Amino acid sequence: MKEYKLRILPLFEDDLNEIVDHIAFELQNPAAALNLLNDVEKAIYDRLSCAESFEPYPSSVEREHPYYRIKVKNYLIFYVVIGDIMEVRRIIYSRRNIADMI
């Protein structure tokens, strides 16, 4: 089984920080924010050993590296595989217009 290296892009970190801050402060639910953070981290690390074993995310844009997704609660994590690197790029609320964002 191939083991991938992990690369997290700053855009993903910005997305995640915004989501966690919204849940913790605006919704006043820091426990839910922490749970989401833990679930996101676990989902990403669980996927590292099998990053290309899933169907690529359908895209209307031609891409050199297809997007893959991981669903965590109401959020979608998007990543690409470049050689032996799983590059995590975005986390987006699943009810938003995803096509406009990736």
N, C-alpha and C. Protein backbone atom coordinates (compact mmCIF):
# COMPACT_ATOMS: atom_id res chain seq x y z
N MET A 1 0.85 -1.18 0.00
CA MET A 1 0.00 0.00 0.00
C MET A 1 0.90 1.25 0.00
N LYS A 2 0.56 2.18 -0.84
CA LYS A 2 1.33 3.41 -0.97
C LYS A 2 1.01 4.35 0.19
N GLU A 3 2.03 4.93 0.76
CA GLU A 3 1.83 5.92 1.82
C GLU A 3 2.14 7.30 1.25
N TYR A 4 1.22 8.21 1.40
CA TYR A 4 1.37 9.55 0.85
C TYR A 4 1.90 10.50 1.92
N LYS A 5 2.64 11.50 1.47
CA LYS A 5 3.03 12.60 2.34
C LYS A 5 1.89 13.61 2.33
N LEU A 6 1.76 14.35 3.40
CA LEU A 6 0.67 15.31 3.52
C LEU A 6 1.17 16.73 3.35
N ARG A 7 0.46 17.49 2.53
CA ARG A 7 0.72 18.92 2.39
C ARG A 7 -0.62 19.63 2.58
N ILE A 8 -0.65 20.59 3.48
CA ILE A 8 -1.85 21.38 3.75
C ILE A 8 -1.62 22.79 3.21
N LEU A 9 -2.48 23.25 2.32
CA LEU A 9 -2.33 24.60 1.78
C LEU A 9 -2.88 25.65 2.75
N PRO A 10 -2.30 26.84 2.74
CA PRO A 10 -2.80 27.92 3.61
C PRO A 10 -4.29 28.23 3.38
N LEU A 11 -4.78 28.08 2.15
CA LEU A 11 -6.19 28.34 1.88
C LEU A 11 -7.08 27.38 2.68
N PHE A 12 -6.68 26.11 2.77
CA PHE A 12 -7.42 25.15 3.58
C PHE A 12 -7.42 25.59 5.05
N GLU A 13 -6.24 25.99 5.55
CA GLU A 13 -6.14 26.44 6.93
C GLU A 13 -7.04 27.65 7.18
N ASP A 14 -7.07 28.58 6.23
CA ASP A 14 -7.96 29.75 6.35
C ASP A 14 -9.42 29.33 6.40
N ASP A 15 -9.80 28.43 5.47
CA ASP A 15 -11.18 27.92 5.45
C ASP A 15 -11.55 27.30 6.79
N LEU A 16 -10.68 26.42 7.28
CA LEU A 16 -10.96 25.69 8.51
C LEU A 16 -11.03 26.64 9.71
N ASN A 17 -10.12 27.59 9.79
CA ASN A 17 -10.14 28.55 10.89
C ASN A 17 -11.43 29.36 10.88
N GLU A 18 -11.87 29.75 9.71
CA GLU A 18 -13.12 30.52 9.59
C GLU A 18 -14.31 29.70 10.06
N ILE A 19 -14.36 28.44 9.67
CA ILE A 19 -15.46 27.54 10.07
C ILE A 19 -15.46 27.33 11.58
N VAL A 20 -14.29 27.01 12.13
CA VAL A 20 -14.17 26.74 13.57
C VAL A 20 -14.52 28.00 14.37
N ASP A 21 -14.02 29.16 13.95
CA ASP A 21 -14.35 30.41 14.64
C ASP A 21 -15.85 30.68 14.60
N HIS A 22 -16.47 30.44 13.46
CA HIS A 22 -17.91 30.66 13.31
C HIS A 22 -18.68 29.78 14.30
N ILE A 23 -18.32 28.50 14.36
CA ILE A 23 -19.03 27.58 15.26
C ILE A 23 -18.77 27.94 16.72
N ALA A 24 -17.51 28.21 17.04
CA ALA A 24 -17.15 28.46 18.44
C ALA A 24 -17.68 29.78 18.97
N PHE A 25 -17.58 30.85 18.16
CA PHE A 25 -17.90 32.19 18.66
C PHE A 25 -19.28 32.69 18.24
N GLU A 26 -19.60 32.60 16.96
CA GLU A 26 -20.90 33.11 16.52
C GLU A 26 -22.04 32.19 16.95
N LEU A 27 -21.82 30.87 16.84
CA LEU A 27 -22.85 29.92 17.28
C LEU A 27 -22.68 29.56 18.75
N GLN A 28 -21.62 30.05 19.35
CA GLN A 28 -21.32 29.84 20.77
C GLN A 28 -21.33 28.36 21.16
N ASN A 29 -20.61 27.57 20.34
CA ASN A 29 -20.54 26.14 20.62
C ASN A 29 -19.10 25.65 20.45
N PRO A 30 -18.22 26.01 21.39
CA PRO A 30 -16.82 25.61 21.26
C PRO A 30 -16.61 24.10 21.25
N ALA A 31 -17.46 23.35 21.93
CA ALA A 31 -17.32 21.88 21.93
C ALA A 31 -17.56 21.31 20.53
N ALA A 32 -18.57 21.83 19.84
CA ALA A 32 -18.83 21.37 18.46
C ALA A 32 -17.69 21.76 17.54
N ALA A 33 -17.12 22.94 17.75
CA ALA A 33 -15.98 23.37 16.93
C ALA A 33 -14.79 22.44 17.12
N LEU A 34 -14.51 22.09 18.37
CA LEU A 34 -13.41 21.18 18.66
C LEU A 34 -13.67 19.80 18.07
N ASN A 35 -14.90 19.31 18.20
CA ASN A 35 -15.25 18.01 17.61
C ASN A 35 -15.05 18.01 16.10
N LEU A 36 -15.47 19.07 15.44
CA LEU A 36 -15.29 19.16 13.99
C LEU A 36 -13.80 19.16 13.65
N LEU A 37 -13.02 19.93 14.37
CA LEU A 37 -11.58 19.97 14.14
C LEU A 37 -10.96 18.58 14.27
N ASN A 38 -11.33 17.86 15.32
CA ASN A 38 -10.81 16.50 15.51
C ASN A 38 -11.27 15.56 14.39
N ASP A 39 -12.52 15.67 13.98
CA ASP A 39 -13.05 14.82 12.91
C ASP A 39 -12.35 15.09 11.58
N VAL A 40 -12.08 16.37 11.29
CA VAL A 40 -11.39 16.75 10.05
C VAL A 40 -9.98 16.17 10.05
N GLU A 41 -9.28 16.35 11.16
CA GLU A 41 -7.91 15.83 11.24
C GLU A 41 -7.89 14.31 11.07
N LYS A 42 -8.79 13.62 11.74
CA LYS A 42 -8.85 12.15 11.63
C LYS A 42 -9.16 11.72 10.20
N ALA A 43 -10.12 12.38 9.57
CA ALA A 43 -10.51 12.02 8.20
C ALA A 43 -9.34 12.18 7.23
N ILE A 44 -8.59 13.25 7.39
CA ILE A 44 -7.44 13.48 6.50
C ILE A 44 -6.37 12.41 6.72
N TYR A 45 -6.04 12.14 7.96
CA TYR A 45 -5.00 11.13 8.23
C TYR A 45 -5.46 9.73 7.85
N ASP A 46 -6.75 9.43 8.00
CA ASP A 46 -7.26 8.13 7.57
C ASP A 46 -7.14 7.96 6.06
N ARG A 47 -7.26 9.04 5.32
CA ARG A 47 -7.23 8.98 3.86
C ARG A 47 -5.80 8.89 3.30
N LEU A 48 -4.80 9.22 4.12
CA LEU A 48 -3.41 9.27 3.63
C LEU A 48 -2.94 7.95 3.01
N SER A 49 -3.40 6.84 3.52
CA SER A 49 -2.91 5.55 3.01
C SER A 49 -3.63 5.10 1.74
N CYS A 50 -4.68 5.82 1.35
CA CYS A 50 -5.46 5.37 0.20
C CYS A 50 -6.03 6.56 -0.59
N ALA A 51 -5.23 7.59 -0.75
CA ALA A 51 -5.71 8.86 -1.30
C ALA A 51 -6.31 8.74 -2.70
N GLU A 52 -5.81 7.82 -3.52
CA GLU A 52 -6.31 7.69 -4.89
C GLU A 52 -7.31 6.55 -5.06
N SER A 53 -7.77 5.97 -3.97
CA SER A 53 -8.68 4.84 -4.04
C SER A 53 -10.14 5.25 -4.16
N PHE A 54 -10.38 6.52 -4.34
CA PHE A 54 -11.74 7.03 -4.40
C PHE A 54 -11.99 7.69 -5.74
N GLU A 55 -13.24 7.84 -6.07
CA GLU A 55 -13.62 8.45 -7.35
C GLU A 55 -13.26 9.93 -7.34
N PRO A 56 -12.60 10.41 -8.41
CA PRO A 56 -12.32 11.85 -8.49
C PRO A 56 -13.62 12.66 -8.50
N TYR A 57 -13.56 13.86 -7.96
CA TYR A 57 -14.71 14.75 -7.94
C TYR A 57 -14.96 15.26 -9.35
N PRO A 58 -16.19 15.12 -9.86
CA PRO A 58 -16.47 15.60 -11.23
C PRO A 58 -16.31 17.11 -11.33
N SER A 59 -15.62 17.54 -12.36
CA SER A 59 -15.37 18.96 -12.53
C SER A 59 -15.60 19.36 -13.98
N SER A 60 -16.14 20.55 -14.17
CA SER A 60 -16.35 21.05 -15.53
C SER A 60 -15.06 21.67 -16.07
N VAL A 61 -14.07 21.84 -15.20
CA VAL A 61 -12.80 22.43 -15.58
C VAL A 61 -11.78 21.31 -15.77
N GLU A 62 -11.03 21.38 -16.87
CA GLU A 62 -9.96 20.41 -17.09
C GLU A 62 -8.82 20.70 -16.12
N ARG A 63 -8.41 19.69 -15.36
CA ARG A 63 -7.38 19.88 -14.34
C ARG A 63 -6.24 18.91 -14.56
N GLU A 64 -5.04 19.38 -14.30
CA GLU A 64 -3.87 18.49 -14.37
C GLU A 64 -3.96 17.42 -13.29
N HIS A 65 -4.43 17.80 -12.11
CA HIS A 65 -4.59 16.88 -10.99
C HIS A 65 -6.05 16.91 -10.55
N PRO A 66 -6.77 15.79 -10.70
CA PRO A 66 -8.19 15.80 -10.32
C PRO A 66 -8.38 15.98 -8.82
N TYR A 67 -9.48 16.61 -8.47
CA TYR A 67 -9.85 16.77 -7.07
C TYR A 67 -10.49 15.49 -6.56
N TYR A 68 -10.21 15.18 -5.31
CA TYR A 68 -10.90 14.14 -4.56
C TYR A 68 -11.55 14.83 -3.38
N ARG A 69 -12.53 14.18 -2.77
CA ARG A 69 -13.20 14.82 -1.64
C ARG A 69 -13.36 13.84 -0.48
N ILE A 70 -13.44 14.42 0.69
CA ILE A 70 -13.73 13.69 1.92
C ILE A 70 -14.91 14.41 2.57
N LYS A 71 -15.96 13.68 2.91
CA LYS A 71 -17.11 14.29 3.58
C LYS A 71 -16.94 14.14 5.08
N VAL A 72 -17.03 15.27 5.78
CA VAL A 72 -16.98 15.29 7.24
C VAL A 72 -18.15 16.15 7.72
N LYS A 73 -19.13 15.50 8.31
CA LYS A 73 -20.35 16.17 8.74
C LYS A 73 -20.94 16.94 7.56
N ASN A 74 -21.12 18.25 7.68
CA ASN A 74 -21.71 19.04 6.58
C ASN A 74 -20.65 19.73 5.72
N TYR A 75 -19.45 19.21 5.74
CA TYR A 75 -18.34 19.85 5.03
C TYR A 75 -17.68 18.87 4.06
N LEU A 76 -17.11 19.44 3.01
CA LEU A 76 -16.35 18.66 2.04
C LEU A 76 -14.91 19.15 2.05
N ILE A 77 -13.99 18.23 2.19
CA ILE A 77 -12.57 18.52 2.12
C ILE A 77 -12.11 18.13 0.73
N PHE A 78 -11.43 19.03 0.05
CA PHE A 78 -10.94 18.76 -1.31
C PHE A 78 -9.43 18.67 -1.30
N TYR A 79 -8.93 17.64 -2.01
CA TYR A 79 -7.49 17.46 -2.11
C TYR A 79 -7.14 16.94 -3.50
N VAL A 80 -5.87 17.05 -3.85
CA VAL A 80 -5.34 16.47 -5.08
C VAL A 80 -4.15 15.59 -4.69
N VAL A 81 -3.79 14.71 -5.61
CA VAL A 81 -2.61 13.88 -5.42
C VAL A 81 -1.60 14.27 -6.48
N ILE A 82 -0.41 14.63 -6.03
CA ILE A 82 0.68 15.02 -6.93
C ILE A 82 1.86 14.12 -6.58
N GLY A 83 2.08 13.11 -7.40
CA GLY A 83 3.13 12.13 -7.09
C GLY A 83 2.77 11.38 -5.83
N ASP A 84 3.62 11.49 -4.81
CA ASP A 84 3.34 10.81 -3.54
C ASP A 84 2.86 11.79 -2.46
N ILE A 85 2.33 12.94 -2.91
CA ILE A 85 1.85 13.96 -1.97
C ILE A 85 0.34 14.12 -2.09
N MET A 86 -0.33 14.03 -0.94
CA MET A 86 -1.75 14.36 -0.85
C MET A 86 -1.82 15.80 -0.39
N GLU A 87 -2.25 16.68 -1.31
CA GLU A 87 -2.28 18.11 -1.04
C GLU A 87 -3.71 18.54 -0.73
N VAL A 88 -3.97 18.90 0.52
CA VAL A 88 -5.30 19.30 0.96
C VAL A 88 -5.46 20.78 0.66
N ARG A 89 -6.50 21.11 -0.13
CA ARG A 89 -6.63 22.48 -0.64
C ARG A 89 -7.77 23.29 -0.05
N ARG A 90 -8.94 22.68 0.16
CA ARG A 90 -10.11 23.46 0.61
C ARG A 90 -10.96 22.62 1.56
N ILE A 91 -11.71 23.30 2.42
CA ILE A 91 -12.82 22.70 3.15
C ILE A 91 -13.98 23.68 2.99
N ILE A 92 -15.11 23.16 2.52
CA ILE A 92 -16.24 24.02 2.13
C ILE A 92 -17.52 23.42 2.68
N TYR A 93 -18.39 24.27 3.18
CA TYR A 93 -19.72 23.84 3.62
C TYR A 93 -20.42 23.19 2.43
N SER A 94 -20.98 22.02 2.62
CA SER A 94 -21.49 21.22 1.50
C SER A 94 -22.68 21.84 0.77
N ARG A 95 -23.37 22.80 1.36
CA ARG A 95 -24.53 23.40 0.69
C ARG A 95 -24.18 24.66 -0.09
N ARG A 96 -22.91 25.01 -0.12
CA ARG A 96 -22.49 26.16 -0.91
C ARG A 96 -22.31 25.74 -2.36
N ASN A 97 -22.14 26.71 -3.25
CA ASN A 97 -21.92 26.40 -4.65
C ASN A 97 -20.46 25.99 -4.84
N ILE A 98 -20.23 24.69 -4.75
CA ILE A 98 -18.86 24.15 -4.77
C ILE A 98 -18.14 24.49 -6.07
N ALA A 99 -18.83 24.39 -7.18
CA ALA A 99 -18.20 24.61 -8.49
C ALA A 99 -17.57 26.00 -8.59
N ASP A 100 -18.17 26.98 -7.94
CA ASP A 100 -17.62 28.34 -7.98
C ASP A 100 -16.41 28.52 -7.07
N MET A 101 -16.16 27.53 -6.21
CA MET A 101 -15.14 27.71 -5.18
C MET A 101 -13.86 26.91 -5.40
N ILE A 102 -13.95 25.87 -6.24
CA ILE A 102 -12.72 25.06 -6.43
C ILE A 102 -12.19 25.15 -7.85
